[in-house]
Amino acid sequence: MLGDVHAEDQAVAAALELFRREAVEAVLCVGDFLDGPGDVVRTGELLRERGVEVVRGNHERWWQSDTMRDLPDATP
């Protein structure tokens, strides 16, 4: 399980590699992969490529409703 990823693509890549090596069958991202200092596009691609199920968190809801966009490192 991953949570509060906040676009930390390098950390996500490392975690997913560990899960792969440990033969983890399924991974769930419990929200908040948006709004962070890393590469949000790469983060999304990594999650999609590995078949990670993603639950929408408050940062995804804020992005969809165009609220809280003045946060530091907010995803455009």
Protein backbone atom coordinates (compact mmCIF):
# COMPACT_ATOMS: atom_id res chain seq x y z
CA MET A 1 0.00 0.00 0.00
CA LEU A 2 1.19 3.49 -0.86
CA GLY A 3 -0.22 6.74 0.46
CA ASP A 4 0.48 10.45 0.44
CA VAL A 5 2.78 10.02 -2.55
CA HIS A 6 2.59 13.71 -3.53
CA ALA A 7 4.32 13.29 -6.90
CA GLU A 8 7.47 11.79 -5.36
CA ASP A 9 8.21 9.78 -8.49
CA GLN A 10 11.63 8.54 -7.39
CA ALA A 11 10.28 7.21 -4.09
CA VAL A 12 7.33 5.60 -5.89
CA ALA A 13 9.69 3.93 -8.38
CA ALA A 14 11.81 2.57 -5.52
CA ALA A 15 8.77 1.29 -3.60
CA LEU A 16 7.30 -0.37 -6.68
CA GLU A 17 10.63 -2.03 -7.43
CA LEU A 18 10.75 -3.39 -3.88
CA PHE A 19 7.18 -4.68 -4.22
CA ARG A 20 8.14 -6.36 -7.52
CA ARG A 21 11.19 -8.04 -5.97
CA GLU A 22 9.08 -9.24 -3.04
CA ALA A 23 6.43 -10.59 -5.45
CA VAL A 24 3.66 -8.41 -4.02
CA GLU A 25 0.56 -9.34 -5.97
CA ALA A 26 -1.42 -6.11 -5.69
CA VAL A 27 -0.65 -2.53 -4.71
CA LEU A 28 -3.15 0.12 -3.67
CA CYS A 29 -2.41 3.86 -3.62
CA VAL A 30 -4.68 5.35 -0.98
CA GLY A 31 -4.74 8.86 -2.37
CA ASP A 32 -2.84 12.09 -2.63
CA PHE A 33 -0.53 11.34 -5.51
CA LEU A 34 -0.99 14.92 -6.77
CA ASP A 35 0.49 18.15 -5.39
CA GLY A 36 4.13 17.59 -4.67
CA PRO A 37 7.67 18.51 -5.62
CA GLY A 38 8.35 15.54 -7.91
CA ASP A 39 7.18 14.66 -11.41
CA VAL A 40 3.44 14.08 -11.22
CA VAL A 41 3.23 12.79 -14.81
CA ARG A 42 5.93 10.17 -14.20
CA THR A 43 4.29 9.24 -10.89
CA GLY A 44 0.99 8.59 -12.66
CA GLU A 45 2.72 6.61 -15.39
CA LEU A 46 4.53 4.42 -12.85
CA LEU A 47 1.29 3.69 -11.01
CA ARG A 48 -0.56 2.94 -14.26
CA GLU A 49 2.25 0.76 -15.70
CA ARG A 50 2.32 -1.38 -12.55
CA GLY A 51 -1.46 -1.71 -12.43
CA VAL A 52 -1.76 0.08 -9.10
CA GLU A 53 -5.33 0.80 -8.03
CA VAL A 54 -5.61 4.43 -6.91
CA VAL A 55 -8.18 5.83 -4.51
CA ARG A 56 -8.94 9.52 -4.86
CA GLY A 57 -7.72 11.56 -1.90
CA ASN A 58 -8.40 15.13 -0.87
CA HIS A 59 -5.66 16.48 -3.18
CA GLU A 60 -7.26 14.76 -6.18
CA ARG A 61 -10.69 16.13 -5.16
CA TRP A 62 -9.20 19.63 -4.82
CA TRP A 63 -7.60 19.33 -8.27
CA GLN A 64 -10.87 18.19 -9.84
CA SER A 65 -12.81 21.03 -8.23
CA ASP A 66 -10.05 23.59 -8.88
CA THR A 67 -9.75 24.46 -5.20
CA MET A 68 -6.68 24.77 -2.97
CA ARG A 69 -4.55 25.41 -6.06
CA ASP A 70 -2.47 27.99 -4.16
CA LEU A 71 -0.73 25.21 -2.22
CA PRO A 72 3.05 24.93 -2.62
CA ASP A 73 3.85 22.50 -5.47
CA ALA A 74 0.20 22.30 -6.53
CA THR A 75 -0.35 20.28 -9.68
CA PRO A 76 -1.50 22.64 -12.45
